[in-house]
């Protein structure tokens, strides 16, 4: 099962539609979509290491634009924003995140924007809190860029050896990745 999925993702990563798909996933993930763009960025960089930083730039730009949609949802469509927070395990998240922005402000974006924590939680709640839009945009560019360019750099320079090892033990690493994803969601639910 994992081999077929892996082969499909790698084929998509090599296709001419890959950059558009990466942009769409990056945009959507910042406001409502559950799957992070890393699942496309990684295979795309491994398939075309010469375009690693182009892909990171696409990911960053689309993510920031999607973040603006998330921000707008928080400002203008609060019921939709509350529904999205509820789906991601934060039914009372508006008050909690609002306190975070009041207490930590810019640091919420700088820390959470560079981590695998769903960025849509930051963008929507920044809109709820009416956080300064200019600061939101530059902090998003900085943190999302840092994250995606770091992923691209690691895979560009260490990717071939990592890819060979990963393909040799695909099932084992797929199970470990699945366990980490589930563990991450459990940790977010427990600690947030």
N, C-alpha and C. Protein backbone atom coordinates (compact mmCIF):
# COMPACT_ATOMS: atom_id res chain seq x y z
N UNK A 1 0.83 -1.19 0.00
CA UNK A 1 0.00 0.00 0.00
C UNK A 1 0.88 1.26 0.00
N UNK A 2 1.86 1.31 0.89
CA UNK A 2 2.72 2.48 0.99
C UNK A 2 3.54 2.67 -0.29
N UNK A 3 3.95 1.58 -0.91
CA UNK A 3 4.74 1.67 -2.14
C UNK A 3 3.94 2.33 -3.25
N UNK A 4 2.67 1.97 -3.40
CA UNK A 4 1.84 2.57 -4.45
C UNK A 4 1.64 4.07 -4.19
N UNK A 5 1.36 4.42 -2.95
CA UNK A 5 1.19 5.83 -2.59
C UNK A 5 2.49 6.60 -2.83
N UNK A 6 3.59 6.02 -2.41
CA UNK A 6 4.90 6.64 -2.60
C UNK A 6 5.19 6.85 -4.08
N UNK A 7 4.96 5.83 -4.89
CA UNK A 7 5.21 5.93 -6.33
C UNK A 7 4.32 7.00 -6.96
N UNK A 8 3.07 7.10 -6.52
CA UNK A 8 2.15 8.11 -7.04
C UNK A 8 2.64 9.51 -6.70
N UNK A 9 3.04 9.73 -5.44
CA UNK A 9 3.53 11.05 -5.02
C UNK A 9 4.80 11.41 -5.79
N UNK A 10 5.71 10.47 -5.96
CA UNK A 10 6.94 10.75 -6.70
C UNK A 10 6.64 11.05 -8.17
N UNK A 11 5.68 10.35 -8.76
CA UNK A 11 5.30 10.63 -10.15
C UNK A 11 4.69 12.03 -10.26
N UNK A 12 3.83 12.40 -9.32
CA UNK A 12 3.25 13.74 -9.31
C UNK A 12 4.35 14.79 -9.13
N UNK A 13 5.31 14.50 -8.27
CA UNK A 13 6.40 15.44 -8.01
C UNK A 13 7.23 15.71 -9.26
N UNK A 14 7.31 14.75 -10.15
CA UNK A 14 8.08 14.91 -11.39
C UNK A 14 7.26 15.53 -12.53
N UNK A 15 5.96 15.62 -12.35
CA UNK A 15 5.09 16.08 -13.43
C UNK A 15 5.18 17.59 -13.60
N UNK A 16 4.72 18.07 -14.74
CA UNK A 16 4.74 19.51 -14.99
C UNK A 16 3.67 20.24 -14.17
N UNK A 17 2.70 19.50 -13.63
CA UNK A 17 1.66 20.09 -12.79
C UNK A 17 2.10 20.24 -11.33
N UNK A 18 3.24 19.70 -10.99
CA UNK A 18 3.69 19.68 -9.59
C UNK A 18 3.78 21.08 -8.97
N UNK A 19 4.39 22.07 -9.61
CA UNK A 19 4.47 23.40 -8.97
C UNK A 19 3.08 24.00 -8.68
N UNK A 20 2.14 23.84 -9.59
CA UNK A 20 0.79 24.36 -9.36
C UNK A 20 0.11 23.61 -8.21
N UNK A 21 0.29 22.30 -8.16
CA UNK A 21 -0.29 21.52 -7.06
C UNK A 21 0.34 21.92 -5.73
N UNK A 22 1.66 22.13 -5.73
CA UNK A 22 2.35 22.57 -4.51
C UNK A 22 1.81 23.91 -4.04
N UNK A 23 1.62 24.84 -4.97
CA UNK A 23 1.08 26.16 -4.61
C UNK A 23 -0.33 26.03 -4.04
N UNK A 24 -1.15 25.19 -4.66
CA UNK A 24 -2.53 25.02 -4.19
C UNK A 24 -2.57 24.42 -2.79
N UNK A 25 -1.77 23.40 -2.55
CA UNK A 25 -1.73 22.77 -1.22
C UNK A 25 -1.19 23.76 -0.18
N UNK A 26 -0.14 24.49 -0.52
CA UNK A 26 0.45 25.46 0.41
C UNK A 26 -0.55 26.56 0.76
N UNK A 27 -1.26 27.05 -0.25
CA UNK A 27 -2.27 28.09 -0.04
C UNK A 27 -3.38 27.58 0.88
N UNK A 28 -3.93 26.42 0.53
CA UNK A 28 -5.07 25.88 1.26
C UNK A 28 -4.71 25.49 2.69
N UNK A 29 -3.50 24.96 2.88
CA UNK A 29 -3.09 24.52 4.23
C UNK A 29 -3.03 25.68 5.21
N UNK A 30 -2.76 26.87 4.75
CA UNK A 30 -2.63 28.01 5.65
C UNK A 30 -3.97 28.56 6.12
N UNK A 31 -5.06 28.05 5.55
CA UNK A 31 -6.35 28.58 5.96
C UNK A 31 -7.41 27.53 6.29
N UNK A 32 -7.36 26.35 5.65
CA UNK A 32 -8.42 25.38 5.95
C UNK A 32 -8.05 23.92 5.69
N UNK A 33 -7.06 23.64 4.87
CA UNK A 33 -6.75 22.28 4.43
C UNK A 33 -5.89 21.56 5.46
N UNK A 34 -6.16 20.27 5.75
CA UNK A 34 -5.44 19.59 6.82
C UNK A 34 -4.05 19.07 6.48
N UNK A 35 -3.69 18.95 5.20
CA UNK A 35 -2.42 18.32 4.86
C UNK A 35 -1.35 19.37 4.61
N UNK A 36 -0.21 19.28 5.30
CA UNK A 36 0.84 20.28 5.14
C UNK A 36 1.54 20.15 3.79
N UNK A 37 2.08 21.25 3.26
CA UNK A 37 2.72 21.21 1.95
C UNK A 37 4.01 20.39 1.92
N UNK A 38 4.55 20.06 3.06
CA UNK A 38 5.78 19.27 3.12
C UNK A 38 5.63 17.92 2.41
N UNK A 39 4.40 17.38 2.40
CA UNK A 39 4.19 16.08 1.76
C UNK A 39 4.40 16.16 0.25
N UNK A 40 4.29 17.36 -0.31
CA UNK A 40 4.60 17.55 -1.73
C UNK A 40 5.99 18.14 -1.90
N UNK A 41 6.37 19.06 -1.04
CA UNK A 41 7.67 19.72 -1.17
C UNK A 41 8.80 18.70 -1.12
N UNK A 42 8.76 17.78 -0.18
CA UNK A 42 9.82 16.79 -0.03
C UNK A 42 10.04 15.97 -1.29
N UNK A 43 9.01 15.28 -1.79
CA UNK A 43 9.21 14.49 -3.00
C UNK A 43 9.59 15.34 -4.23
N UNK A 44 9.07 16.56 -4.29
CA UNK A 44 9.42 17.41 -5.43
C UNK A 44 10.90 17.77 -5.42
N UNK A 45 11.42 18.09 -4.23
CA UNK A 45 12.85 18.41 -4.13
C UNK A 45 13.69 17.18 -4.44
N UNK A 46 13.27 16.02 -3.93
CA UNK A 46 14.01 14.80 -4.21
C UNK A 46 13.99 14.44 -5.69
N UNK A 47 12.88 14.74 -6.36
CA UNK A 47 12.77 14.44 -7.79
C UNK A 47 13.55 15.44 -8.64
N UNK A 48 13.61 16.70 -8.21
CA UNK A 48 14.29 17.75 -8.98
C UNK A 48 15.08 18.63 -8.02
N UNK A 49 16.23 18.15 -7.58
CA UNK A 49 17.04 18.89 -6.60
C UNK A 49 17.49 20.24 -7.14
N UNK A 50 17.63 20.38 -8.45
CA UNK A 50 18.05 21.65 -9.04
C UNK A 50 17.00 22.75 -8.85
N UNK A 51 15.76 22.35 -8.55
CA UNK A 51 14.68 23.32 -8.35
C UNK A 51 14.26 23.44 -6.88
N UNK A 52 15.08 22.96 -5.98
CA UNK A 52 14.73 22.94 -4.56
C UNK A 52 14.30 24.31 -4.04
N UNK A 53 15.08 25.33 -4.33
CA UNK A 53 14.77 26.64 -3.77
C UNK A 53 13.64 27.35 -4.52
N UNK A 54 13.43 26.98 -5.77
CA UNK A 54 12.25 27.49 -6.50
C UNK A 54 11.00 26.93 -5.84
N UNK A 55 11.02 25.63 -5.55
CA UNK A 55 9.87 25.01 -4.89
C UNK A 55 9.64 25.60 -3.49
N UNK A 56 10.72 25.87 -2.76
CA UNK A 56 10.57 26.49 -1.44
C UNK A 56 9.96 27.88 -1.55
N UNK A 57 10.34 28.63 -2.58
CA UNK A 57 9.78 29.97 -2.79
C UNK A 57 8.29 29.89 -3.14
N UNK A 58 7.93 28.92 -3.99
CA UNK A 58 6.52 28.73 -4.33
C UNK A 58 5.72 28.40 -3.07
N UNK A 59 6.26 27.51 -2.28
CA UNK A 59 5.61 27.09 -1.03
C UNK A 59 5.43 28.28 -0.10
N UNK A 60 6.47 29.08 0.05
CA UNK A 60 6.42 30.24 0.95
C UNK A 60 5.39 31.26 0.48
N UNK A 61 5.47 31.65 -0.79
CA UNK A 61 4.55 32.67 -1.31
C UNK A 61 3.10 32.21 -1.21
N UNK A 62 2.82 30.98 -1.62
CA UNK A 62 1.45 30.48 -1.56
C UNK A 62 0.97 30.35 -0.12
N UNK A 63 1.85 29.95 0.77
CA UNK A 63 1.49 29.81 2.18
C UNK A 63 1.13 31.17 2.79
N UNK A 64 1.90 32.19 2.47
CA UNK A 64 1.61 33.53 3.01
C UNK A 64 0.30 34.06 2.44
N UNK A 65 0.07 33.85 1.14
CA UNK A 65 -1.20 34.27 0.55
C UNK A 65 -2.37 33.51 1.18
N UNK A 66 -2.19 32.22 1.39
CA UNK A 66 -3.22 31.44 2.07
C UNK A 66 -3.42 31.91 3.50
N UNK A 67 -2.32 32.34 4.13
CA UNK A 67 -2.42 32.90 5.48
C UNK A 67 -3.28 34.15 5.51
N UNK A 68 -3.21 34.95 4.45
CA UNK A 68 -4.07 36.13 4.37
C UNK A 68 -5.54 35.73 4.28
N UNK A 69 -5.82 34.63 3.58
CA UNK A 69 -7.19 34.12 3.56
C UNK A 69 -7.60 33.67 4.97
N UNK A 70 -6.71 32.96 5.66
CA UNK A 70 -7.01 32.55 7.04
C UNK A 70 -7.26 33.75 7.93
N UNK A 71 -6.44 34.77 7.78
CA UNK A 71 -6.61 36.02 8.55
C UNK A 71 -7.98 36.62 8.25
N UNK A 72 -8.36 36.68 6.97
CA UNK A 72 -9.66 37.23 6.58
C UNK A 72 -10.81 36.40 7.15
N UNK A 73 -10.64 35.09 7.19
CA UNK A 73 -11.66 34.23 7.80
C UNK A 73 -11.83 34.62 9.26
N UNK A 74 -10.72 34.85 9.97
CA UNK A 74 -10.81 35.24 11.37
C UNK A 74 -11.46 36.59 11.57
N UNK A 75 -11.25 37.52 10.65
CA UNK A 75 -11.82 38.86 10.77
C UNK A 75 -13.28 38.89 10.33
N UNK A 76 -13.56 38.33 9.14
CA UNK A 76 -14.87 38.52 8.52
C UNK A 76 -15.81 37.33 8.59
N UNK A 77 -15.28 36.15 8.79
CA UNK A 77 -16.10 34.94 8.80
C UNK A 77 -15.85 34.14 10.08
N UNK A 78 -16.08 34.76 11.21
CA UNK A 78 -15.77 34.11 12.48
C UNK A 78 -16.46 32.77 12.67
N UNK A 79 -17.72 32.60 12.27
CA UNK A 79 -18.33 31.26 12.43
C UNK A 79 -17.57 30.18 11.64
N UNK A 80 -17.10 30.53 10.45
CA UNK A 80 -16.31 29.58 9.66
C UNK A 80 -14.99 29.30 10.37
N UNK A 81 -14.36 30.35 10.88
CA UNK A 81 -13.11 30.19 11.62
C UNK A 81 -13.28 29.32 12.86
N UNK A 82 -14.36 29.53 13.58
CA UNK A 82 -14.64 28.71 14.77
C UNK A 82 -14.86 27.25 14.38
N UNK A 83 -15.54 27.03 13.26
CA UNK A 83 -15.77 25.67 12.76
C UNK A 83 -14.44 24.99 12.43
N UNK A 84 -13.54 25.72 11.77
CA UNK A 84 -12.23 25.17 11.42
C UNK A 84 -11.44 24.84 12.68
N UNK A 85 -11.46 25.74 13.67
CA UNK A 85 -10.77 25.46 14.93
C UNK A 85 -11.34 24.22 15.60
N UNK A 86 -12.65 24.08 15.55
CA UNK A 86 -13.30 22.91 16.15
C UNK A 86 -12.85 21.63 15.46
N UNK A 87 -12.79 21.65 14.12
CA UNK A 87 -12.35 20.47 13.37
C UNK A 87 -10.94 20.06 13.79
N UNK A 88 -10.09 21.05 14.07
CA UNK A 88 -8.71 20.76 14.43
C UNK A 88 -8.50 20.62 15.94
N UNK A 89 -9.60 20.40 16.67
CA UNK A 89 -9.49 20.06 18.08
C UNK A 89 -9.43 21.23 19.04
N UNK A 90 -9.88 22.40 18.62
CA UNK A 90 -9.87 23.58 19.49
C UNK A 90 -11.24 24.26 19.50
N UNK A 91 -12.27 23.58 20.07
CA UNK A 91 -13.61 24.16 20.03
C UNK A 91 -13.72 25.49 20.78
N UNK A 92 -12.90 25.69 21.78
CA UNK A 92 -12.89 26.95 22.52
C UNK A 92 -11.62 27.75 22.21
N UNK A 93 -11.05 27.49 21.07
CA UNK A 93 -9.76 28.05 20.71
C UNK A 93 -9.71 29.54 20.55
N UNK A 94 -10.82 30.19 20.18
CA UNK A 94 -10.77 31.63 19.94
C UNK A 94 -10.29 32.38 21.18
N UNK A 95 -10.85 32.08 22.33
CA UNK A 95 -10.46 32.79 23.55
C UNK A 95 -9.01 32.47 23.93
N UNK A 96 -8.64 31.20 23.80
CA UNK A 96 -7.29 30.79 24.15
C UNK A 96 -6.25 31.46 23.25
N UNK A 97 -6.47 31.40 21.95
CA UNK A 97 -5.52 32.00 21.03
C UNK A 97 -5.52 33.53 21.14
N UNK A 98 -6.65 34.11 21.42
CA UNK A 98 -6.71 35.57 21.61
C UNK A 98 -5.82 35.97 22.79
N UNK A 99 -5.87 35.19 23.87
CA UNK A 99 -4.99 35.46 25.02
C UNK A 99 -3.53 35.33 24.61
N UNK A 100 -3.24 34.33 23.79
CA UNK A 100 -1.86 34.15 23.33
C UNK A 100 -1.39 35.39 22.58
N UNK A 101 -2.22 35.91 21.69
CA UNK A 101 -1.82 37.08 20.92
C UNK A 101 -1.68 38.31 21.82
N UNK A 102 -2.56 38.43 22.82
CA UNK A 102 -2.45 39.56 23.75
C UNK A 102 -1.16 39.47 24.56
N UNK A 103 -0.82 38.26 25.00
CA UNK A 103 0.35 38.07 25.85
C UNK A 103 1.65 38.03 25.07
N UNK A 104 1.67 37.29 23.93
CA UNK A 104 2.91 37.04 23.23
C UNK A 104 3.03 37.77 21.90
N UNK A 105 1.90 38.16 21.31
CA UNK A 105 1.89 38.92 20.07
C UNK A 105 2.67 38.27 18.93
N UNK A 106 3.68 38.98 18.47
CA UNK A 106 4.49 38.56 17.34
C UNK A 106 5.10 37.18 17.54
N UNK A 107 5.45 36.83 18.77
CA UNK A 107 6.11 35.55 19.04
C UNK A 107 5.24 34.36 18.69
N UNK A 108 3.92 34.52 18.76
CA UNK A 108 3.02 33.43 18.37
C UNK A 108 3.25 33.08 16.91
N UNK A 109 3.34 34.09 16.07
CA UNK A 109 3.55 33.86 14.64
C UNK A 109 4.96 33.33 14.39
N UNK A 110 5.95 33.94 15.03
CA UNK A 110 7.34 33.55 14.78
C UNK A 110 7.62 32.10 15.20
N UNK A 111 7.05 31.67 16.29
CA UNK A 111 7.30 30.31 16.78
C UNK A 111 6.42 29.30 16.05
N UNK A 112 5.14 29.55 15.99
CA UNK A 112 4.23 28.58 15.39
C UNK A 112 4.35 28.52 13.87
N UNK A 113 4.75 29.61 13.24
CA UNK A 113 4.88 29.62 11.79
C UNK A 113 6.01 28.76 11.28
N UNK A 114 7.00 28.51 12.11
CA UNK A 114 8.16 27.71 11.69
C UNK A 114 8.06 26.25 12.13
N UNK A 115 6.99 25.90 12.81
CA UNK A 115 6.83 24.54 13.31
C UNK A 115 5.78 23.79 12.50
N UNK A 116 5.69 22.49 12.68
CA UNK A 116 4.66 21.72 11.97
C UNK A 116 3.25 21.91 12.53
N UNK A 117 3.08 22.72 13.57
CA UNK A 117 1.74 22.99 14.09
C UNK A 117 0.92 23.61 12.96
N UNK A 118 -0.32 23.15 12.76
CA UNK A 118 -1.11 23.67 11.63
C UNK A 118 -1.15 25.20 11.63
N UNK A 119 -0.62 25.77 10.55
CA UNK A 119 -0.49 27.23 10.46
C UNK A 119 -1.84 27.91 10.39
N UNK A 120 -2.86 27.20 9.93
CA UNK A 120 -4.20 27.79 9.86
C UNK A 120 -4.69 28.22 11.24
N UNK A 121 -4.24 27.54 12.31
CA UNK A 121 -4.63 27.95 13.66
C UNK A 121 -4.09 29.34 13.97
N UNK A 122 -2.88 29.62 13.52
CA UNK A 122 -2.26 30.93 13.73
C UNK A 122 -2.95 31.99 12.87
N UNK A 123 -3.18 31.69 11.59
CA UNK A 123 -3.72 32.71 10.69
C UNK A 123 -5.13 33.11 11.07
N UNK A 124 -5.97 32.13 11.36
CA UNK A 124 -7.36 32.43 11.70
C UNK A 124 -7.44 33.18 13.02
N UNK A 125 -6.68 32.73 14.01
CA UNK A 125 -6.76 33.40 15.31
C UNK A 125 -6.08 34.78 15.28
N UNK A 126 -5.10 34.97 14.39
CA UNK A 126 -4.54 36.32 14.23
C UNK A 126 -5.64 37.26 13.73
N UNK A 127 -6.49 36.75 12.84
CA UNK A 127 -7.63 37.54 12.37
C UNK A 127 -8.63 37.79 13.48
N UNK A 128 -8.93 36.76 14.29
CA UNK A 128 -9.82 36.95 15.44
C UNK A 128 -9.31 38.08 16.34
N UNK A 129 -8.00 38.08 16.59
CA UNK A 129 -7.39 39.04 17.51
C UNK A 129 -7.15 40.40 16.85
N UNK A 130 -7.41 40.49 15.54
CA UNK A 130 -7.14 41.72 14.77
C UNK A 130 -5.68 42.14 14.93
N UNK A 131 -4.80 41.13 14.90
CA UNK A 131 -3.37 41.38 15.01
C UNK A 131 -2.94 42.27 13.85
N UNK A 132 -1.94 43.12 14.07
CA UNK A 132 -1.46 44.05 13.05
C UNK A 132 -1.14 43.30 11.75
N UNK A 133 -1.82 43.66 10.66
CA UNK A 133 -1.69 42.93 9.40
C UNK A 133 -0.29 43.02 8.81
N UNK A 134 0.33 44.18 8.85
CA UNK A 134 1.68 44.32 8.30
C UNK A 134 2.66 43.40 9.04
N UNK A 135 2.59 43.39 10.35
CA UNK A 135 3.46 42.52 11.15
C UNK A 135 3.16 41.05 10.87
N UNK A 136 1.89 40.73 10.74
CA UNK A 136 1.48 39.36 10.42
C UNK A 136 2.11 38.91 9.11
N UNK A 137 2.09 39.76 8.08
CA UNK A 137 2.61 39.38 6.76
C UNK A 137 4.12 39.19 6.80
N UNK A 138 4.86 40.16 7.36
CA UNK A 138 6.32 39.99 7.33
C UNK A 138 6.77 38.84 8.22
N UNK A 139 6.10 38.63 9.34
CA UNK A 139 6.46 37.50 10.21
C UNK A 139 6.14 36.17 9.52
N UNK A 140 5.04 36.14 8.78
CA UNK A 140 4.68 34.93 8.04
C UNK A 140 5.70 34.63 6.95
N UNK A 141 6.12 35.66 6.22
CA UNK A 141 7.14 35.47 5.18
C UNK A 141 8.42 34.92 5.81
N UNK A 142 8.82 35.50 6.92
CA UNK A 142 10.06 35.08 7.60
C UNK A 142 9.96 33.63 8.08
N UNK A 143 8.93 33.30 8.82
CA UNK A 143 8.87 31.97 9.42
C UNK A 143 8.55 30.87 8.41
N UNK A 144 7.61 31.14 7.52
CA UNK A 144 7.29 30.12 6.53
C UNK A 144 8.46 29.92 5.58
N UNK A 145 9.11 31.02 5.20
CA UNK A 145 10.30 30.91 4.35
C UNK A 145 11.40 30.13 5.03
N UNK A 146 11.65 30.41 6.29
CA UNK A 146 12.67 29.70 7.04
C UNK A 146 12.37 28.20 7.05
N UNK A 147 11.15 27.86 7.32
CA UNK A 147 10.77 26.44 7.37
C UNK A 147 10.94 25.76 6.02
N UNK A 148 10.35 26.32 4.97
CA UNK A 148 10.37 25.65 3.68
C UNK A 148 11.74 25.66 3.02
N UNK A 149 12.50 26.73 3.20
CA UNK A 149 13.85 26.76 2.63
C UNK A 149 14.77 25.81 3.39
N UNK A 150 14.55 25.64 4.70
CA UNK A 150 15.35 24.68 5.47
C UNK A 150 15.07 23.25 5.00
N UNK A 151 13.80 22.93 4.82
CA UNK A 151 13.43 21.60 4.32
C UNK A 151 14.06 21.37 2.94
N UNK A 152 13.94 22.36 2.06
CA UNK A 152 14.48 22.23 0.71
C UNK A 152 16.00 22.06 0.74
N UNK A 153 16.68 22.82 1.59
CA UNK A 153 18.15 22.73 1.66
C UNK A 153 18.60 21.36 2.16
N UNK A 154 17.96 20.88 3.21
CA UNK A 154 18.33 19.56 3.74
C UNK A 154 18.14 18.49 2.67
N UNK A 155 17.01 18.52 2.00
CA UNK A 155 16.74 17.50 0.99
C UNK A 155 17.60 17.67 -0.25
N UNK A 156 17.93 18.89 -0.60
CA UNK A 156 18.78 19.13 -1.78
C UNK A 156 20.18 18.55 -1.56
N UNK A 157 20.74 18.79 -0.36
CA UNK A 157 22.12 18.39 -0.12
C UNK A 157 22.28 17.00 0.49
N UNK A 158 21.30 16.56 1.25
CA UNK A 158 21.38 15.24 1.88
C UNK A 158 20.39 14.25 1.28
N UNK A 159 19.56 14.72 0.37
CA UNK A 159 18.46 13.94 -0.17
C UNK A 159 18.80 12.63 -0.83
N UNK A 160 19.79 12.56 -1.72
CA UNK A 160 20.03 11.28 -2.41
C UNK A 160 20.32 10.13 -1.45
N UNK A 161 21.14 10.37 -0.46
CA UNK A 161 21.44 9.30 0.52
C UNK A 161 20.20 8.97 1.34
N UNK A 162 19.45 10.02 1.72
CA UNK A 162 18.23 9.81 2.49
C UNK A 162 17.19 9.05 1.65
N UNK A 163 17.07 9.42 0.38
CA UNK A 163 16.10 8.77 -0.50
C UNK A 163 16.41 7.29 -0.68
N UNK A 164 17.66 6.97 -0.88
CA UNK A 164 18.05 5.57 -1.05
C UNK A 164 17.71 4.75 0.19
N UNK A 165 18.03 5.30 1.36
CA UNK A 165 17.71 4.62 2.63
C UNK A 165 16.20 4.49 2.81
N UNK A 166 15.47 5.56 2.51
CA UNK A 166 14.02 5.56 2.68
C UNK A 166 13.37 4.51 1.76
N UNK A 167 13.81 4.45 0.52
CA UNK A 167 13.22 3.48 -0.41
C UNK A 167 13.53 2.04 -0.01
N UNK A 168 14.68 1.82 0.61
CA UNK A 168 15.04 0.48 1.06
C UNK A 168 14.14 0.02 2.19
N UNK A 169 13.75 0.93 3.05
CA UNK A 169 12.94 0.58 4.23
C UNK A 169 11.64 1.37 4.26
N UNK A 170 10.98 1.45 3.13
CA UNK A 170 9.78 2.27 2.97
C UNK A 170 8.70 1.94 3.99
N UNK A 171 8.38 0.67 4.18
CA UNK A 171 7.31 0.30 5.10
C UNK A 171 7.63 0.71 6.54
N UNK A 172 8.85 0.46 6.98
CA UNK A 172 9.24 0.83 8.34
C UNK A 172 9.12 2.33 8.55
N UNK A 173 9.67 3.12 7.63
CA UNK A 173 9.62 4.58 7.79
C UNK A 173 8.20 5.12 7.65
N UNK A 174 7.38 4.48 6.85
CA UNK A 174 5.99 4.91 6.72
C UNK A 174 5.24 4.70 8.03
N UNK A 175 5.50 3.59 8.68
CA UNK A 175 4.86 3.32 9.98
C UNK A 175 5.36 4.31 11.03
N UNK A 176 6.65 4.59 11.03
CA UNK A 176 7.20 5.57 11.97
C UNK A 176 6.60 6.95 11.72
N UNK A 177 6.52 7.35 10.45
CA UNK A 177 5.93 8.65 10.10
C UNK A 177 4.48 8.72 10.54
N UNK A 178 3.73 7.67 10.30
CA UNK A 178 2.33 7.62 10.72
C UNK A 178 2.21 7.75 12.23
N UNK A 179 3.07 7.05 12.96
CA UNK A 179 3.07 7.14 14.43
C UNK A 179 3.40 8.56 14.89
N UNK A 180 4.36 9.20 14.23
CA UNK A 180 4.71 10.58 14.60
C UNK A 180 3.56 11.55 14.32
N UNK A 181 2.89 11.36 13.20
CA UNK A 181 1.75 12.23 12.88
C UNK A 181 0.64 12.07 13.92
N UNK A 182 0.31 10.83 14.23
CA UNK A 182 -0.73 10.58 15.24
C UNK A 182 -0.29 11.12 16.60
N UNK A 183 0.97 10.88 16.94
CA UNK A 183 1.51 11.41 18.20
C UNK A 183 1.47 12.94 18.24
N UNK A 184 1.75 13.57 17.10
CA UNK A 184 1.70 15.03 17.02
C UNK A 184 0.30 15.56 17.26
N UNK A 185 -0.71 14.90 16.66
CA UNK A 185 -2.08 15.34 16.88
C UNK A 185 -2.50 15.13 18.33
N UNK A 186 -2.09 14.02 18.92
CA UNK A 186 -2.40 13.77 20.33
C UNK A 186 -1.73 14.83 21.21
N UNK A 187 -0.47 15.15 20.93
CA UNK A 187 0.25 16.16 21.71
C UNK A 187 -0.41 17.52 21.59
N UNK A 188 -0.84 17.87 20.38
CA UNK A 188 -1.51 19.16 20.18
C UNK A 188 -2.79 19.18 20.99
N UNK A 189 -3.54 18.08 20.98
CA UNK A 189 -4.80 18.00 21.70
C UNK A 189 -4.58 18.10 23.22
N UNK A 190 -3.53 17.46 23.71
CA UNK A 190 -3.26 17.43 25.15
C UNK A 190 -2.68 18.75 25.65
N UNK A 191 -1.74 19.31 24.91
CA UNK A 191 -0.99 20.46 25.41
C UNK A 191 -1.53 21.81 24.95
N UNK A 192 -2.52 21.83 24.09
CA UNK A 192 -3.02 23.14 23.62
C UNK A 192 -4.42 23.38 24.06
